[in-house]
Amino acid sequence: MMLVKILGFGSNWWARFGRDSQDRYRYTRHAAYFNSAGVRCGSKIRRHWIVPGLIRFNGVGDFNPQFPNRAVGKTFECADLIFALGGNRILFRKKVAQSGPDYFLLVVSSDRFGSFDFEDAGWRSQSVTPIAVSHLRDKQEALLLMRAGDWVRTALGFWQLRVSSNLPYGASLELLEDTAMN
């Protein structure tokens, strides 16, 4: 079990509903909601995974799929990250009041943070865990688990996760000088 504070979601959402068509909770309590990294391809968001993975919320949990951004800034009790069915997976079980998370869930995109070189082992600090990474042409998006002080490197420089009670949601990625991490 781990505690994860959500700072952002990937751009790709989908749902899987209960299989029993007679079940009155098929679209609510017996549904599952998934999020992952994705990139815009025409008018749709697609998963062009170079690292396959997703996060999952069950319909019986403390997550409202109609308003996913209400979960941003909240800490959830989660199952440990596993590799199953060809990708990384984390189940978000329930919200917790505890404010000291083990990890922060962030999304970084080339549009906002600059392009990544995912083939270079030095694109991230050692303890950053990519859950999912999508890459198509010049567009990239990564769904990451990070701890305070972790960093990622893009074409714009080094972005470090700063944790402080003065920040919105208690943490944010901040651009450092390119030479600060060398």
Protein backbone atom coordinates (compact mmCIF):
# COMPACT_ATOMS: atom_id res chain seq x y z
CA MET A 1 0.00 0.00 0.00
CA MET A 2 1.15 3.54 -0.72
CA LEU A 3 -0.26 7.05 -0.39
CA VAL A 4 -0.36 9.11 -3.58
CA LYS A 5 -1.31 12.78 -3.88
CA ILE A 6 -2.76 13.64 -7.28
CA LEU A 7 -1.32 16.75 -8.93
CA GLY A 8 -2.58 15.96 -12.43
CA PHE A 9 -4.03 13.35 -14.75
CA GLY A 10 -3.06 12.11 -18.18
CA SER A 11 -5.20 13.27 -21.08
CA ASN A 12 -6.62 9.83 -21.92
CA TRP A 13 -9.75 8.68 -20.02
CA TRP A 14 -12.01 5.69 -20.55
CA ALA A 15 -14.45 3.54 -18.58
CA ARG A 16 -15.39 -0.10 -18.37
CA PHE A 17 -18.88 -0.88 -17.15
CA GLY A 18 -20.24 -3.95 -15.38
CA ARG A 19 -21.00 -6.89 -17.68
CA ASP A 20 -24.47 -7.74 -16.36
CA SER A 21 -26.95 -5.68 -18.39
CA GLN A 22 -29.62 -6.25 -15.71
CA ASP A 23 -27.40 -4.86 -12.93
CA ARG A 24 -28.75 -1.49 -11.79
CA TYR A 25 -25.24 -0.52 -10.60
CA ARG A 26 -23.58 -1.44 -13.91
CA TYR A 27 -22.70 2.18 -14.74
CA THR A 28 -21.89 3.34 -11.21
CA ARG A 29 -20.71 1.04 -8.40
CA HIS A 30 -19.67 -1.80 -10.71
CA ALA A 31 -17.81 0.39 -13.20
CA ALA A 32 -14.08 1.12 -13.44
CA TYR A 33 -12.50 4.34 -14.67
CA PHE A 34 -9.05 4.49 -16.22
CA ASN A 35 -6.55 7.26 -16.93
CA SER A 36 -3.29 7.20 -18.84
CA ALA A 37 -0.87 9.28 -20.87
CA GLY A 38 -2.10 10.11 -24.35
CA VAL A 39 -1.47 12.43 -27.28
CA ARG A 40 -3.82 14.24 -29.62
CA CYS A 41 -4.14 12.48 -32.95
CA GLY A 42 -6.55 14.44 -35.15
CA SER A 43 -9.69 15.06 -33.10
CA LYS A 44 -9.03 12.20 -30.64
CA ILE A 45 -6.71 11.46 -27.76
CA ARG A 46 -4.82 8.22 -28.36
CA ARG A 47 -2.43 6.07 -26.37
CA HIS A 48 0.81 5.82 -28.34
CA TRP A 49 2.60 4.12 -25.49
CA ILE A 50 6.33 3.69 -25.30
CA VAL A 51 5.76 2.79 -21.64
CA PRO A 52 2.32 1.16 -21.29
CA GLY A 53 0.40 1.81 -18.10
CA LEU A 54 -2.69 3.20 -16.40
CA ILE A 55 -4.28 4.21 -13.15
CA ARG A 56 -7.67 2.84 -12.12
CA PHE A 57 -10.52 4.03 -9.96
CA ASN A 58 -13.38 1.69 -9.08
CA GLY A 59 -16.98 2.91 -9.00
CA VAL A 60 -17.22 2.10 -5.28
CA GLY A 61 -14.25 4.34 -4.40
CA ASP A 62 -14.02 8.02 -3.52
CA PHE A 63 -13.78 9.23 -7.11
CA ASN A 64 -16.44 11.00 -9.15
CA PRO A 65 -15.87 10.36 -12.88
CA GLN A 66 -18.13 13.29 -13.75
CA PHE A 67 -15.70 15.66 -12.01
CA PRO A 68 -12.23 14.09 -12.09
CA ASN A 69 -10.45 17.37 -11.31
CA ARG A 70 -12.04 17.35 -7.85
CA ALA A 71 -9.51 14.62 -7.04
CA VAL A 72 -6.56 16.91 -7.85
CA GLY A 73 -4.83 17.89 -4.62
CA LYS A 74 -6.27 14.89 -2.77
CA THR A 75 -4.30 11.99 -1.33
CA PHE A 76 -5.43 8.42 -2.03
CA GLU A 77 -4.59 5.06 -0.56
CA CYS A 78 -3.37 2.98 -3.49
CA ALA A 79 -2.32 -0.55 -4.20
CA ASP A 80 1.36 -0.92 -5.01
CA LEU A 81 2.42 -0.40 -8.61
CA ILE A 82 2.35 -3.70 -10.51
CA PHE A 83 3.13 -4.82 -14.03
CA ALA A 84 0.16 -6.84 -15.34
CA LEU A 85 -1.59 -7.42 -18.66
CA GLY A 86 1.29 -5.81 -20.54
CA GLY A 87 1.64 -2.58 -18.57
CA ASN A 88 2.05 -0.73 -15.29
CA ARG A 89 -1.06 -0.49 -13.15
CA ILE A 90 -2.08 1.28 -9.95
CA LEU A 91 -5.46 0.97 -8.27
CA PHE A 92 -6.57 4.12 -6.40
CA ARG A 93 -8.73 2.78 -3.57
CA LYS A 94 -9.96 5.64 -1.39
CA LYS A 95 -9.22 9.19 -0.28
CA VAL A 96 -7.36 9.59 2.97
CA ALA A 97 -7.04 12.59 5.25
CA GLN A 98 -3.34 12.01 5.83
CA SER A 99 -1.33 14.83 4.29
CA GLY A 100 2.08 13.15 3.98
CA PRO A 101 1.96 11.17 0.72
CA ASP A 102 4.64 8.68 -0.32
CA TYR A 103 4.40 9.88 -3.93
CA PHE A 104 2.87 12.57 -6.11
CA LEU A 105 1.10 11.72 -9.38
CA LEU A 106 2.02 14.20 -12.11
CA VAL A 107 1.60 14.51 -15.82
CA VAL A 108 4.31 16.15 -17.89
CA SER A 109 3.77 16.97 -21.55
CA SER A 110 6.03 18.30 -24.27
CA ASP A 111 3.54 21.13 -24.87
CA ARG A 112 3.97 22.47 -21.35
CA PHE A 113 7.41 21.32 -20.19
CA GLY A 114 9.41 20.84 -23.41
CA SER A 115 10.34 17.67 -25.27
CA PHE A 116 11.92 14.66 -23.55
CA ASP A 117 14.59 12.25 -24.72
CA PHE A 118 13.17 9.06 -23.22
CA GLU A 119 16.02 6.98 -24.67
CA ASP A 120 18.55 8.90 -22.55
CA ALA A 121 18.81 7.30 -19.10
CA GLY A 122 19.35 10.78 -17.63
CA TRP A 123 15.92 12.18 -18.50
CA ARG A 124 14.74 11.63 -14.90
CA SER A 125 16.09 11.19 -11.41
CA GLN A 126 16.47 7.59 -10.31
CA SER A 127 13.39 7.45 -8.06
CA VAL A 128 10.93 8.87 -10.64
CA THR A 129 8.60 6.05 -11.72
CA PRO A 130 6.98 6.35 -15.15
CA ILE A 131 3.51 4.80 -15.06
CA ALA A 132 2.74 5.53 -18.72
CA VAL A 133 4.48 7.41 -21.52
CA SER A 134 2.93 8.26 -24.90
CA HIS A 135 4.92 9.62 -27.83
CA LEU A 136 3.77 10.45 -31.36
CA ARG A 137 5.87 12.63 -33.66
CA ASP A 138 6.64 15.80 -31.68
CA LYS A 139 4.00 15.22 -28.96
CA GLN A 140 4.77 13.52 -25.69
CA GLU A 141 3.00 12.96 -22.40
CA ALA A 142 4.17 11.05 -19.32
CA LEU A 143 2.23 10.03 -16.21
CA LEU A 144 4.78 9.87 -13.38
CA LEU A 145 5.10 9.03 -9.70
CA MET A 146 7.54 11.44 -8.07
CA ARG A 147 8.84 12.28 -4.60
CA ALA A 148 9.89 15.67 -3.24
CA GLY A 149 13.16 16.71 -4.89
CA ASP A 150 12.80 14.37 -7.87
CA TRP A 151 13.41 15.90 -11.29
CA VAL A 152 12.91 15.37 -15.00
CA ARG A 153 15.00 16.85 -17.80
CA THR A 154 13.50 18.28 -20.98
CA ALA A 155 14.74 20.44 -23.84
CA LEU A 156 13.92 23.46 -21.63
CA GLY A 157 16.00 22.29 -18.66
CA PHE A 158 15.52 20.50 -15.34
CA TRP A 159 12.13 20.47 -13.64
CA GLN A 160 12.19 19.63 -9.95
CA LEU A 161 9.25 18.67 -7.73
CA ARG A 162 9.08 21.24 -4.96
CA VAL A 163 6.89 20.48 -1.95
CA SER A 164 5.71 23.34 0.25
CA SER A 165 2.52 24.23 2.07
CA ASN A 166 2.67 27.62 0.28
CA LEU A 167 2.12 26.01 -3.14
CA PRO A 168 -1.26 25.14 -4.66
CA TYR A 169 -1.99 21.50 -3.75
CA GLY A 170 1.25 21.51 -1.71
CA ALA A 171 3.64 20.76 -4.59
CA SER A 172 4.60 21.76 -8.13
CA LEU A 173 7.23 21.17 -10.79
CA GLU A 174 9.56 24.14 -11.08
CA LEU A 175 12.11 24.90 -13.77
CA LEU A 176 15.68 25.06 -12.47
CA GLU A 177 18.73 26.41 -14.22
CA ASP A 178 20.07 23.88 -16.71
CA THR A 179 23.38 23.70 -14.86
CA ALA A 180 21.82 23.23 -11.41
CA MET A 181 21.55 19.44 -11.74
CA ASN A 182 24.97 18.83 -13.38
